[in-house]
Amino acid sequence: MSAIADKATGKTAWLTLAASPVFAAMALMSAIDAPPLALCAAGATLLPVDGMTAMYLLMSLFHLPPWLKLAGRG
């Protein structure tokens, strides 16, 4: 039973490391494909990112702790 748990833990660790880069790539693709923002739009923002890009960036940041733990070990 212990060997199975060790395998599951190893796969889970790799999966947690995969989340942040995947969300960062999705944010990049979303930003590239986003429609241009109008300069004089009523809801103009300071940063040229749409809602989906911002969401993917936030998800990438929320899934960053496993990478920070890995960097802290070395």
Protein backbone atom coordinates (compact mmCIF):
# COMPACT_ATOMS: atom_id res chain seq x y z
CA MET A 1 0.00 0.00 0.00
CA SER A 2 2.87 2.38 0.74
CA ALA A 3 4.34 2.04 -2.76
CA ILE A 4 0.98 2.98 -4.28
CA ALA A 5 0.72 6.01 -2.02
CA ASP A 6 4.27 7.07 -2.99
CA LYS A 7 3.41 6.80 -6.69
CA ALA A 8 0.24 8.84 -6.18
CA THR A 9 2.15 11.48 -4.25
CA GLY A 10 4.76 11.73 -7.02
CA LYS A 11 2.10 12.13 -9.71
CA THR A 12 0.27 14.71 -7.61
CA ALA A 13 3.49 16.69 -7.17
CA TRP A 14 4.05 16.79 -10.92
CA LEU A 15 0.44 17.79 -11.50
CA THR A 16 0.72 20.68 -9.03
CA LEU A 17 3.84 21.87 -10.84
CA ALA A 18 2.05 21.74 -14.19
CA ALA A 19 -0.83 24.06 -13.22
CA SER A 20 1.00 27.40 -13.04
CA PRO A 21 2.83 27.20 -16.41
CA VAL A 22 -0.34 25.98 -18.15
CA PHE A 23 -2.35 28.92 -16.80
CA ALA A 24 0.47 31.31 -17.76
CA ALA A 25 0.45 29.94 -21.31
CA MET A 26 -3.33 30.29 -21.46
CA ALA A 27 -3.01 33.91 -20.29
CA LEU A 28 -0.47 34.57 -23.04
CA MET A 29 -2.71 33.00 -25.70
CA SER A 30 -5.70 34.92 -24.36
CA ALA A 31 -3.77 38.20 -24.42
CA ILE A 32 -2.56 37.62 -27.97
CA ASP A 33 -6.07 36.76 -29.19
CA ALA A 34 -7.81 39.57 -27.24
CA PRO A 35 -9.56 42.26 -29.27
CA PRO A 36 -7.86 45.67 -29.20
CA LEU A 37 -9.19 48.00 -26.52
CA ALA A 38 -10.62 51.33 -27.53
CA LEU A 39 -8.68 54.26 -26.10
CA CYS A 40 -11.76 56.29 -25.34
CA ALA A 41 -14.02 53.48 -24.12
CA ALA A 42 -16.18 54.24 -21.10
CA GLY A 43 -14.73 51.34 -19.13
CA ALA A 44 -11.13 51.80 -20.23
CA THR A 45 -8.56 50.37 -17.85
CA LEU A 46 -4.91 51.16 -17.24
CA LEU A 47 -3.66 47.73 -18.27
CA PRO A 48 -4.43 46.37 -21.73
CA VAL A 49 -5.75 43.00 -20.51
CA ASP A 50 -9.25 41.66 -20.83
CA GLY A 51 -11.12 39.66 -18.20
CA MET A 52 -9.98 36.21 -19.35
CA THR A 53 -6.32 37.22 -19.43
CA ALA A 54 -6.56 38.65 -15.92
CA MET A 55 -8.29 35.49 -14.67
CA TYR A 56 -5.59 33.23 -16.17
CA LEU A 57 -2.84 35.41 -14.69
CA LEU A 58 -4.46 35.20 -11.25
CA MET A 59 -4.86 31.43 -11.55
CA SER A 60 -1.19 31.17 -12.50
CA LEU A 61 -0.24 33.18 -9.40
CA PHE A 62 -2.50 31.12 -7.12
CA HIS A 63 -0.84 27.91 -8.36
CA LEU A 64 2.70 29.27 -7.89
CA PRO A 65 3.42 27.98 -4.31
CA PRO A 66 4.61 24.50 -5.42
CA TRP A 67 7.22 26.20 -7.60
CA LEU A 68 8.28 28.43 -4.70
CA LYS A 69 8.65 25.37 -2.45
CA LEU A 70 10.76 23.68 -5.13
CA ALA A 71 12.94 26.77 -5.53
CA GLY A 72 13.34 27.02 -1.76
CA ARG A 73 14.78 23.52 -1.51
CA GLY A 74 17.69 24.22 -3.85
